[in-house]
Amino acid sequence: MRKKKMNQQHGKISWGLLYVLCGAIFLEGIDVSMMGVALPSIRSELGCPPAR
């Protein structure tokens, strides 16, 4: 009985960790895509020449 309860708790922790990691990867992807859109306008406002 105790082993089954420990396995259930371990399963809940594992799923929770998986959700957190997937959320972090998703937010990182959004951040990278926003920077890709924003960097050209930031570069032009600062007067930097385009990269070669």
N, C-alpha and C. Protein backbone atom coordinates (compact mmCIF):
# COMPACT_ATOMS: atom_id res chain seq x y z
N MET A 1 0.83 -1.20 0.00
CA MET A 1 0.00 0.00 0.00
C MET A 1 0.87 1.26 0.00
N ARG A 2 1.89 1.26 0.84
CA ARG A 2 2.74 2.44 0.94
C ARG A 2 3.53 2.65 -0.36
N LYS A 3 3.98 1.56 -0.97
CA LYS A 3 4.73 1.66 -2.21
C LYS A 3 3.86 2.24 -3.32
N LYS A 4 2.60 1.84 -3.37
CA LYS A 4 1.69 2.34 -4.38
C LYS A 4 1.48 3.84 -4.21
N LYS A 5 1.35 4.29 -2.96
CA LYS A 5 1.16 5.71 -2.69
C LYS A 5 2.40 6.51 -3.09
N MET A 6 3.59 5.96 -2.83
CA MET A 6 4.82 6.63 -3.22
C MET A 6 4.93 6.72 -4.73
N ASN A 7 4.53 5.67 -5.45
CA ASN A 7 4.56 5.69 -6.91
C ASN A 7 3.60 6.73 -7.47
N GLN A 8 2.42 6.87 -6.86
CA GLN A 8 1.46 7.87 -7.31
C GLN A 8 2.01 9.27 -7.08
N GLN A 9 2.64 9.49 -5.93
CA GLN A 9 3.22 10.80 -5.64
C GLN A 9 4.37 11.10 -6.60
N HIS A 10 5.19 10.10 -6.86
CA HIS A 10 6.30 10.27 -7.81
C HIS A 10 5.76 10.61 -9.20
N GLY A 11 4.67 9.96 -9.58
CA GLY A 11 4.06 10.24 -10.88
C GLY A 11 3.55 11.66 -10.98
N LYS A 12 2.93 12.17 -9.91
CA LYS A 12 2.43 13.54 -9.91
C LYS A 12 3.57 14.54 -10.01
N ILE A 13 4.65 14.27 -9.29
CA ILE A 13 5.80 15.16 -9.35
C ILE A 13 6.42 15.14 -10.74
N SER A 14 6.50 13.97 -11.34
CA SER A 14 7.08 13.85 -12.69
C SER A 14 6.25 14.62 -13.71
N TRP A 15 4.93 14.49 -13.65
CA TRP A 15 4.06 15.21 -14.58
C TRP A 15 4.16 16.71 -14.36
N GLY A 16 4.20 17.12 -13.10
CA GLY A 16 4.33 18.54 -12.80
C GLY A 16 5.62 19.11 -13.36
N LEU A 17 6.71 18.37 -13.19
CA LEU A 17 8.00 18.80 -13.71
C LEU A 17 7.97 18.86 -15.24
N LEU A 18 7.33 17.89 -15.86
CA LEU A 18 7.21 17.89 -17.32
C LEU A 18 6.45 19.13 -17.80
N TYR A 19 5.36 19.48 -17.13
CA TYR A 19 4.59 20.67 -17.50
C TYR A 19 5.43 21.94 -17.37
N VAL A 20 6.18 22.04 -16.30
CA VAL A 20 7.02 23.23 -16.08
C VAL A 20 8.09 23.32 -17.16
N LEU A 21 8.74 22.22 -17.48
CA LEU A 21 9.79 22.24 -18.50
C LEU A 21 9.22 22.55 -19.88
N CYS A 22 8.07 21.98 -20.21
CA CYS A 22 7.45 22.29 -21.51
C CYS A 22 7.05 23.76 -21.59
N GLY A 23 6.54 24.30 -20.50
CA GLY A 23 6.21 25.73 -20.47
C GLY A 23 7.43 26.60 -20.66
N ALA A 24 8.54 26.23 -20.03
CA ALA A 24 9.77 27.00 -20.17
C ALA A 24 10.29 26.96 -21.61
N ILE A 25 10.23 25.79 -22.24
CA ILE A 25 10.68 25.68 -23.63
C ILE A 25 9.78 26.51 -24.54
N PHE A 26 8.48 26.49 -24.29
CA PHE A 26 7.54 27.27 -25.09
C PHE A 26 7.83 28.77 -24.95
N LEU A 27 8.03 29.24 -23.72
CA LEU A 27 8.31 30.66 -23.51
C LEU A 27 9.64 31.07 -24.11
N GLU A 28 10.62 30.18 -24.08
CA GLU A 28 11.91 30.48 -24.70
C GLU A 28 11.75 30.63 -26.21
N GLY A 29 10.94 29.79 -26.81
CA GLY A 29 10.69 29.90 -28.25
C GLY A 29 10.00 31.21 -28.61
N ILE A 30 9.05 31.63 -27.80
CA ILE A 30 8.38 32.91 -28.04
C ILE A 30 9.37 34.05 -27.90
N ASP A 31 10.23 33.98 -26.88
CA ASP A 31 11.22 35.03 -26.66
C ASP A 31 12.17 35.14 -27.84
N VAL A 32 12.64 34.02 -28.35
CA VAL A 32 13.56 34.05 -29.48
C VAL A 32 12.88 34.63 -30.72
N SER A 33 11.64 34.27 -30.96
CA SER A 33 10.95 34.79 -32.14
C SER A 33 10.65 36.28 -32.00
N MET A 34 10.36 36.75 -30.79
CA MET A 34 10.15 38.19 -30.58
C MET A 34 11.44 38.97 -30.83
N MET A 35 12.55 38.43 -30.37
CA MET A 35 13.83 39.11 -30.59
C MET A 35 14.18 39.15 -32.06
N GLY A 36 13.85 38.11 -32.79
CA GLY A 36 14.11 38.10 -34.22
C GLY A 36 13.31 39.17 -34.95
N VAL A 37 12.12 39.46 -34.45
CA VAL A 37 11.29 40.50 -35.05
C VAL A 37 11.75 41.88 -34.61
N ALA A 38 12.15 42.03 -33.35
CA ALA A 38 12.46 43.33 -32.78
C ALA A 38 13.87 43.82 -33.11
N LEU A 39 14.82 42.93 -33.27
CA LEU A 39 16.21 43.35 -33.46
C LEU A 39 16.45 44.25 -34.67
N PRO A 40 15.84 44.00 -35.82
CA PRO A 40 16.09 44.92 -36.95
C PRO A 40 15.65 46.35 -36.65
N SER A 41 14.52 46.52 -36.00
CA SER A 41 14.07 47.89 -35.70
C SER A 41 14.93 48.53 -34.62
N ILE A 42 15.37 47.75 -33.66
CA ILE A 42 16.27 48.28 -32.62
C ILE A 42 17.59 48.71 -33.25
N ARG A 43 18.10 47.88 -34.16
CA ARG A 43 19.36 48.19 -34.82
C ARG A 43 19.23 49.48 -35.64
N SER A 44 18.13 49.67 -36.35
CA SER A 44 17.96 50.87 -37.15
C SER A 44 17.78 52.11 -36.28
N GLU A 45 17.10 51.97 -35.15
CA GLU A 45 16.93 53.12 -34.26
C GLU A 45 18.25 53.55 -33.62
N LEU A 46 19.13 52.59 -33.37
CA LEU A 46 20.43 52.90 -32.77
C LEU A 46 21.45 53.37 -33.82
N GLY A 47 21.11 53.22 -35.09
CA GLY A 47 22.00 53.66 -36.16
C GLY A 47 23.14 52.70 -36.43
N CYS A 48 23.00 51.47 -36.08
CA CYS A 48 24.05 50.48 -36.33
C CYS A 48 23.98 50.00 -37.78
N PRO A 49 25.12 49.76 -38.38
CA PRO A 49 25.09 49.24 -39.75
C PRO A 49 24.62 47.79 -39.76
N PRO A 50 24.06 47.33 -40.87
CA PRO A 50 23.62 45.94 -40.94
C PRO A 50 24.80 44.99 -40.87
N ALA A 51 24.55 43.81 -40.36
CA ALA A 51 25.60 42.80 -40.24
C ALA A 51 25.98 42.26 -41.61
N ARG A 52 27.21 41.87 -41.74
CA ARG A 52 27.68 41.35 -43.03
C ARG A 52 27.46 39.89 -43.14
